[in-house]
Amino acid sequence: MPLVAHNKLPTFDRLKQEGHIVLPAVRALHQDIRELHIGLLNMMPDAALAATERQFFRLVGESNPIAQFYMHPFTLKEIARSPKAQAHIDRYYEPFEKIREEGLDALIVSGANVTHPNLPEEPFWKPLGEVIGWAVENVTSTLCSCLATHAVLDLHHGQKRRPLAAKRWGVFSHRVLDRHHPLVLGVNTRFDVPHSRLNDIGRQQFDAAGLHVLVESETAGVHLAVSEDRFRVVYFQGHPEYDTVSLLKEYKREVVRYADGERQDYPPFPERYFGLLEQGILDEYHDRLLQVLDKGGEAPEFPEALVVRRLDNTWHDTAGAIVANWIGKVYQITDSDRRRPFMEGVDPHNPLGL
């Protein structure tokens, strides 16, 4: 239920303005309610740092169990940051050393932008491996998002992601494959998930790693899978945490890159995201932009305001239900002492009793 504002992170104020329940720390201390401490390893670039906080905090805060959620954001110092982003991190984020010492009930690992074709060449590769290694041994369950999923399959299973012929970008329909797994109980058998990636881990690779695939798309591939014990590690290959406007922001960014000469081709529309009217507005802008650029003028203002009000979100409720199921199982399994990830009598090799 409530998120606890245990520091002055601006994300808490933003979520309160959206109508979410955020409990002041002083009030939380006077409630006889179980605490859950959830880490967020936020590896996203500066422009998406705060948005990623809100997206994952929102999903956790909307989950059903009666608990107070203490969110602990942290990042990796090897990821280069602007002075503004670094100041935000220095003020509001926690060092991994503190988190490792005090423990967590659950961990979320975000995606990241990469600059090398091979993930082991990234500067954050070794420290990310250290965090994942610690979490697998000491945290009840770790939820990996997109790039983090690719990294863990590479690190622990030797399954390397493969480049796609074209960016997988849009909102895709998915089907639940195992309707009896606790993570998808009560979830629609078919639902949408946004994807945005240039690389893929295929179904055969998940199978070869011994992982259990729960949700898959005929078009977009595997979205949700779990580790051999069915719970210790949860893998998202899509982006169920995305806001309604996230793909619009990405599309706008790519249009700006085109206008600035940073990409040669004009970006295609994300699949199954814009309606016909929105596509018409954006096609008209494309034509105007080409005319202006041809004359050496400045790019006209992107028509974001005309498009954003008509966008639909067809994935958030299902994403919330899956995260709520995940949090519920963490709540049931973890000991109140965060340094002991499994309660007495729980089989660590089959914590869900499946």
Protein backbone atom coordinates (compact mmCIF):
# COMPACT_ATOMS: atom_id res chain seq x y z
CA MET A 1 0.00 0.00 0.00
CA PRO A 2 1.71 3.25 1.00
CA LEU A 3 5.13 4.33 -0.10
CA VAL A 4 7.04 5.90 2.77
CA ALA A 5 8.75 9.22 2.08
CA HIS A 6 11.80 8.45 4.21
CA ASN A 7 13.83 11.16 2.45
CA LYS A 8 13.16 14.31 0.40
CA LEU A 9 13.40 12.65 -3.02
CA PRO A 10 11.27 14.82 -5.39
CA THR A 11 9.67 11.69 -6.86
CA PHE A 12 7.59 11.35 -3.68
CA ASP A 13 6.05 14.81 -4.17
CA ARG A 14 5.37 14.07 -7.84
CA LEU A 15 3.56 10.83 -6.97
CA LYS A 16 1.48 12.58 -4.29
CA GLN A 17 0.39 15.13 -6.91
CA GLU A 18 -0.76 12.22 -9.08
CA GLY A 19 -2.97 10.96 -6.24
CA HIS A 20 -0.78 8.14 -4.93
CA ILE A 21 -0.58 7.40 -1.22
CA VAL A 22 2.77 8.54 0.17
CA LEU A 23 3.16 8.30 3.93
CA PRO A 24 5.41 10.75 5.82
CA ALA A 25 8.17 8.93 7.68
CA VAL A 26 7.03 10.28 11.07
CA ARG A 27 3.54 8.88 10.57
CA ALA A 28 4.86 5.56 9.30
CA LEU A 29 6.80 5.04 12.53
CA HIS A 30 3.55 5.16 14.51
CA GLN A 31 1.79 2.50 12.42
CA ASP A 32 2.05 -1.14 13.39
CA ILE A 33 2.48 -2.32 9.79
CA ARG A 34 5.12 -4.58 8.27
CA GLU A 35 7.86 -2.80 6.35
CA LEU A 36 9.25 -3.94 3.02
CA HIS A 37 12.52 -2.47 1.81
CA ILE A 38 12.95 -2.54 -1.96
CA GLY A 39 16.05 -1.42 -3.82
CA LEU A 40 16.05 0.23 -7.23
CA LEU A 41 19.33 0.02 -9.12
CA ASN A 42 18.69 2.88 -11.54
CA MET A 43 21.09 2.69 -14.46
CA MET A 44 19.07 4.82 -16.87
CA PRO A 45 20.68 7.89 -18.49
CA ASP A 46 20.28 11.32 -16.96
CA ALA A 47 17.22 12.36 -18.95
CA ALA A 48 15.30 9.28 -17.79
CA LEU A 49 16.65 9.04 -14.23
CA ALA A 50 13.72 10.67 -12.39
CA ALA A 51 11.09 9.19 -14.74
CA THR A 52 12.40 5.69 -14.02
CA GLU A 53 12.14 6.37 -10.28
CA ARG A 54 8.50 7.40 -10.69
CA GLN A 55 7.61 4.47 -12.93
CA PHE A 56 8.88 1.77 -10.61
CA PHE A 57 7.92 3.54 -7.38
CA ARG A 58 4.40 3.90 -8.80
CA LEU A 59 4.08 0.19 -9.59
CA VAL A 60 5.30 -0.80 -6.13
CA GLY A 61 3.12 1.77 -4.38
CA GLU A 62 0.00 0.55 -6.20
CA SER A 63 0.50 -3.08 -5.20
CA ASN A 64 -2.01 -4.70 -2.87
CA PRO A 65 -0.28 -6.13 0.21
CA ILE A 66 -0.68 -4.21 3.44
CA ALA A 67 2.84 -2.99 3.98
CA GLN A 68 4.92 0.15 4.15
CA PHE A 69 7.26 0.35 1.19
CA TYR A 70 10.66 1.91 1.74
CA MET A 71 12.32 2.46 -1.64
CA HIS A 72 16.10 2.60 -1.78
CA PRO A 73 17.39 4.00 -5.09
CA PHE A 74 21.06 3.59 -5.95
CA THR A 75 23.20 3.55 -9.07
CA LEU A 76 26.69 2.62 -10.24
CA LYS A 77 29.45 5.21 -10.07
CA GLU A 78 30.92 3.86 -13.31
CA ILE A 79 27.99 5.35 -15.27
CA ALA A 80 28.98 8.84 -16.42
CA ARG A 81 26.63 11.58 -15.21
CA SER A 82 26.10 15.27 -15.82
CA PRO A 83 26.72 17.60 -12.86
CA LYS A 84 22.96 18.03 -12.36
CA ALA A 85 22.24 14.30 -12.37
CA GLN A 86 25.20 13.60 -10.11
CA ALA A 87 23.96 16.21 -7.63
CA HIS A 88 20.56 14.46 -7.59
CA ILE A 89 22.25 11.12 -6.96
CA ASP A 90 24.54 12.48 -4.26
CA ARG A 91 21.60 14.03 -2.41
CA TYR A 92 18.91 11.34 -2.70
CA TYR A 93 20.51 8.00 -3.61
CA GLU A 94 22.18 5.53 -1.27
CA PRO A 95 25.60 3.91 -1.73
CA PHE A 96 25.51 0.22 -2.56
CA GLU A 97 27.78 -0.44 0.40
CA LYS A 98 25.05 0.80 2.78
CA ILE A 99 22.36 -1.23 1.02
CA ARG A 100 24.50 -4.37 1.12
CA GLU A 101 25.13 -3.90 4.83
CA GLU A 102 21.50 -3.27 5.79
CA GLY A 103 19.85 -5.70 3.35
CA LEU A 104 16.77 -5.62 1.14
CA ASP A 105 13.58 -7.62 0.79
CA ALA A 106 13.53 -7.23 -3.00
CA LEU A 107 15.51 -5.53 -5.75
CA ILE A 108 14.54 -3.96 -9.07
CA VAL A 109 17.27 -3.46 -11.68
CA SER A 110 16.46 -0.98 -14.46
CA GLY A 111 17.62 -0.98 -18.04
CA ALA A 112 20.47 1.21 -19.29
CA ASN A 113 21.82 2.84 -22.43
CA VAL A 114 24.86 1.06 -23.80
CA THR A 115 27.72 2.25 -25.99
CA HIS A 116 29.39 -1.03 -26.94
CA PRO A 117 28.11 -3.93 -29.06
CA ASN A 118 29.24 -6.42 -26.39
CA LEU A 119 27.87 -5.88 -22.90
CA PRO A 120 31.06 -7.01 -21.09
CA GLU A 121 32.81 -3.99 -22.62
CA GLU A 122 30.51 -1.57 -20.78
CA PRO A 123 32.15 0.27 -17.85
CA PHE A 124 29.30 -0.77 -15.55
CA TRP A 125 29.60 -4.49 -16.39
CA LYS A 126 31.76 -5.64 -13.46
CA PRO A 127 29.98 -3.61 -10.73
CA LEU A 128 26.60 -4.70 -12.10
CA GLY A 129 27.77 -8.30 -11.84
CA GLU A 130 28.74 -7.69 -8.22
CA VAL A 131 25.29 -6.31 -7.40
CA ILE A 132 23.51 -9.18 -9.16
CA GLY A 133 25.75 -11.76 -7.50
CA TRP A 134 25.03 -10.29 -4.07
CA ALA A 135 21.29 -10.08 -4.77
CA VAL A 136 20.97 -13.70 -5.92
CA GLU A 137 22.47 -14.85 -2.63
CA ASN A 138 20.93 -12.32 -0.24
CA VAL A 139 17.68 -10.88 -1.64
CA THR A 140 14.44 -12.84 -1.80
CA SER A 141 13.69 -11.83 -5.39
CA THR A 142 15.28 -9.60 -8.02
CA LEU A 143 13.25 -8.13 -10.88
CA CYS A 144 15.30 -7.33 -13.99
CA SER A 145 14.09 -4.92 -16.68
CA CYS A 146 15.14 -5.10 -20.36
CA LEU A 147 18.92 -4.48 -20.50
CA ALA A 148 19.28 -5.93 -17.00
CA THR A 149 17.63 -9.13 -18.26
CA HIS A 150 20.12 -9.32 -21.11
CA ALA A 151 22.99 -8.74 -18.69
CA VAL A 152 21.94 -11.46 -16.24
CA LEU A 153 21.41 -14.02 -18.99
CA ASP A 154 24.90 -13.23 -20.25
CA LEU A 155 26.52 -13.19 -16.79
CA HIS A 156 24.89 -16.28 -15.30
CA HIS A 157 23.80 -18.36 -18.27
CA GLY A 158 26.18 -17.52 -21.10
CA GLN A 159 23.30 -16.45 -23.33
CA LYS A 160 24.30 -13.38 -25.31
CA ARG A 161 21.73 -11.03 -26.77
CA ARG A 162 21.52 -10.79 -30.54
CA PRO A 163 21.03 -7.63 -32.62
CA LEU A 164 17.65 -7.25 -34.31
CA ALA A 165 17.31 -6.37 -37.98
CA ALA A 166 15.30 -3.31 -36.91
CA LYS A 167 14.45 -1.74 -33.58
CA ARG A 168 11.61 -3.52 -31.77
CA TRP A 169 9.57 -0.52 -30.84
CA GLY A 170 5.92 -0.18 -29.94
CA VAL A 171 3.09 -1.79 -27.99
CA PHE A 172 2.69 -5.52 -28.63
CA SER A 173 0.11 -8.15 -27.70
CA HIS A 174 1.29 -10.98 -25.42
CA ARG A 175 -0.16 -14.26 -24.20
CA VAL A 176 0.21 -15.94 -20.79
CA LEU A 177 1.74 -19.40 -21.22
CA ASP A 178 1.53 -20.68 -17.63
CA ARG A 179 -1.73 -19.48 -16.09
CA HIS A 180 -1.05 -21.22 -12.77
CA HIS A 181 2.16 -19.43 -11.85
CA PRO A 182 1.61 -17.04 -8.90
CA LEU A 183 3.09 -14.07 -10.78
CA VAL A 184 0.32 -14.14 -13.41
CA LEU A 185 -2.65 -15.23 -11.29
CA GLY A 186 -5.63 -12.98 -11.99
CA VAL A 187 -3.94 -11.46 -15.05
CA ASN A 188 -5.66 -11.31 -18.44
CA THR A 189 -4.57 -14.19 -20.64
CA ARG A 190 -3.70 -11.69 -23.39
CA PHE A 191 -2.39 -8.19 -22.73
CA ASP A 192 -0.18 -5.43 -24.14
CA VAL A 193 3.40 -4.55 -23.21
CA PRO A 194 5.62 -1.77 -24.62
CA HIS A 195 9.01 -2.76 -26.05
CA SER A 196 11.92 -0.57 -27.08
CA ARG A 197 15.17 -2.31 -27.89
CA LEU A 198 17.70 -3.06 -30.61
CA ASN A 199 18.67 -6.51 -29.29
CA ASP A 200 16.86 -9.66 -28.27
CA ILE A 201 17.14 -12.80 -26.17
CA GLY A 202 15.14 -15.43 -28.03
CA ARG A 203 12.84 -18.13 -26.63
CA GLN A 204 15.35 -20.88 -27.36
CA GLN A 205 17.95 -19.01 -25.32
CA PHE A 206 15.61 -18.70 -22.33
CA ASP A 207 14.90 -22.43 -22.62
CA ALA A 208 18.60 -23.26 -22.93
CA ALA A 209 19.24 -21.27 -19.74
CA GLY A 210 16.69 -23.41 -17.90
CA LEU A 211 14.37 -20.47 -17.31
CA HIS A 212 10.59 -20.74 -17.23
CA VAL A 213 8.82 -18.47 -19.74
CA LEU A 214 5.50 -17.12 -18.48
CA VAL A 215 4.52 -14.52 -21.10
CA GLU A 216 5.41 -14.33 -24.78
CA SER A 217 4.43 -12.41 -27.92
CA GLU A 218 4.31 -13.87 -31.42
CA THR A 219 5.75 -10.58 -32.67
CA ALA A 220 7.90 -9.21 -29.85
CA GLY A 221 9.18 -12.46 -28.33
CA VAL A 222 9.57 -13.35 -24.65
CA HIS A 223 8.46 -10.72 -22.17
CA LEU A 224 8.30 -12.41 -18.76
CA ALA A 225 10.34 -15.36 -17.46
CA VAL A 226 11.52 -16.61 -14.09
CA SER A 227 14.57 -18.42 -12.77
CA GLU A 228 14.84 -22.16 -12.28
CA ASP A 229 13.30 -21.95 -8.81
CA ARG A 230 10.40 -19.99 -10.35
CA PHE A 231 10.94 -16.84 -8.25
CA ARG A 232 14.48 -15.83 -7.20
CA VAL A 233 15.02 -13.83 -10.40
CA VAL A 234 12.20 -12.33 -12.52
CA TYR A 235 13.00 -11.25 -16.06
CA PHE A 236 11.16 -8.54 -18.03
CA GLN A 237 12.33 -8.06 -21.62
CA GLY A 238 9.69 -5.40 -22.31
CA HIS A 239 8.95 -2.17 -20.45
CA PRO A 240 5.69 -2.62 -18.49
CA GLU A 241 6.78 0.27 -16.25
CA TYR A 242 6.52 2.79 -19.10
CA ASP A 243 4.29 5.83 -18.72
CA THR A 244 1.63 6.53 -21.33
CA VAL A 245 3.91 9.15 -22.91
CA SER A 246 7.19 7.22 -22.76
CA LEU A 247 7.17 6.03 -26.37
CA LEU A 248 6.09 9.49 -27.53
CA LYS A 249 9.09 10.99 -25.72
CA GLU A 250 11.37 8.45 -27.40
CA TYR A 251 9.86 9.17 -30.82
CA LYS A 252 10.29 12.92 -30.29
CA ARG A 253 13.91 12.40 -29.26
CA GLU A 254 14.61 10.49 -32.47
CA VAL A 255 12.91 13.18 -34.58
CA VAL A 256 15.10 15.80 -32.91
CA ARG A 257 18.17 13.67 -33.63
CA TYR A 258 17.15 13.53 -37.28
CA ALA A 259 16.63 17.30 -37.41
CA ASP A 260 20.07 17.80 -35.84
CA GLY A 261 21.71 15.48 -38.36
CA GLU A 262 22.51 12.79 -35.78
CA ARG A 263 20.58 10.10 -37.67
CA GLN A 264 20.18 9.72 -41.43
CA ASP A 265 16.69 8.20 -41.65
CA TYR A 266 13.48 9.66 -40.29
CA PRO A 267 12.22 7.49 -37.40
CA PRO A 268 9.25 5.18 -38.07
CA PHE A 269 6.23 5.22 -35.76
CA PRO A 270 6.31 2.87 -32.77
CA GLU A 271 4.00 -0.02 -33.67
CA ARG A 272 0.39 -0.06 -32.38
CA TYR A 273 0.87 3.14 -30.38
CA PHE A 274 -0.37 6.15 -32.34
CA GLY A 275 -3.92 6.30 -33.66
CA LEU A 276 -4.72 7.37 -37.23
CA LEU A 277 -5.35 11.00 -36.21
CA GLU A 278 -2.05 11.19 -34.31
CA GLN A 279 -0.21 9.64 -37.24
CA GLY A 280 -1.75 12.27 -39.50
CA ILE A 281 -0.58 15.08 -37.21
CA LEU A 282 2.92 13.64 -37.06
CA ASP A 283 3.07 13.02 -40.81
CA GLU A 284 2.12 16.65 -41.39
CA TYR A 285 4.89 17.72 -39.01
CA HIS A 286 7.32 15.49 -40.93
CA ASP A 287 6.46 17.27 -44.18
CA ARG A 288 6.83 20.73 -42.59
CA LEU A 289 10.14 19.75 -41.02
CA LEU A 290 11.56 18.57 -44.34
CA GLN A 291 10.50 21.81 -46.05
CA VAL A 292 12.11 23.96 -43.34
CA LEU A 293 15.32 21.95 -43.22
CA ASP A 294 15.58 22.06 -47.00
CA LYS A 295 15.62 25.84 -46.79
CA GLY A 296 18.16 25.87 -43.98
CA GLY A 297 15.69 27.02 -41.34
CA GLU A 298 15.15 25.92 -37.74
CA ALA A 299 12.93 22.94 -36.93
CA PRO A 300 9.34 23.88 -36.02
CA GLU A 301 8.02 22.97 -32.58
CA PHE A 302 7.18 19.28 -32.26
CA PRO A 303 3.36 18.88 -31.87
CA GLU A 304 3.58 16.94 -28.60
CA ALA A 305 0.63 18.73 -27.00
CA LEU A 306 -1.68 17.78 -29.90
CA VAL A 307 -0.75 14.10 -29.63
CA VAL A 308 -0.31 13.39 -25.94
CA ARG A 309 -3.93 13.97 -24.91
CA ARG A 310 -5.18 11.21 -27.22
CA LEU A 311 -2.71 8.47 -26.29
CA ASP A 312 -4.06 5.30 -24.70
CA ASN A 313 -2.41 3.17 -22.05
CA THR A 314 -3.25 -0.51 -22.59
CA TRP A 315 -0.63 -2.10 -20.31
CA HIS A 316 -0.43 -0.41 -16.91
CA ASP A 317 -3.17 -2.37 -15.14
CA THR A 318 -1.61 -5.71 -16.08
CA ALA A 319 1.88 -4.48 -15.16
CA GLY A 320 0.51 -3.41 -11.79
CA ALA A 321 -1.14 -6.79 -11.23
CA ILE A 322 2.08 -8.70 -11.98
CA VAL A 323 4.16 -6.45 -9.72
CA ALA A 324 1.50 -6.77 -7.00
CA ASN A 325 1.74 -10.56 -7.26
CA TRP A 326 5.52 -10.30 -7.06
CA ILE A 327 5.43 -8.03 -4.01
CA GLY A 328 2.83 -10.30 -2.39
CA LYS A 329 5.10 -13.33 -2.67
CA VAL A 330 8.10 -11.36 -1.38
CA TYR A 331 5.92 -10.33 1.58
CA GLN A 332 4.96 -13.93 2.31
CA ILE A 333 8.44 -15.39 1.97
CA THR A 334 10.78 -12.86 3.56
CA ASP A 335 11.55 -12.77 7.22
CA SER A 336 10.95 -9.49 9.05
CA ASP A 337 14.73 -9.43 9.53
CA ARG A 338 15.93 -8.18 6.12
CA ARG A 339 19.26 -9.94 6.58
CA ARG A 340 17.54 -13.33 6.27
CA PRO A 341 15.88 -13.62 2.88
CA PHE A 342 13.92 -16.82 3.56
CA MET A 343 11.67 -17.69 6.48
CA GLU A 344 12.13 -20.93 8.36
CA GLY A 345 10.45 -23.80 6.55
CA VAL A 346 10.65 -22.19 3.10
CA ASP A 347 12.61 -24.22 0.56
CA PRO A 348 15.05 -21.75 -1.07
CA HIS A 349 15.12 -23.95 -4.18
CA ASN A 350 11.31 -23.88 -4.50
CA PRO A 351 10.08 -20.89 -2.45
CA LEU A 352 6.62 -20.88 -4.05
CA GLY A 353 5.99 -24.53 -3.36
CA LEU A 354 5.32 -25.31 -7.02
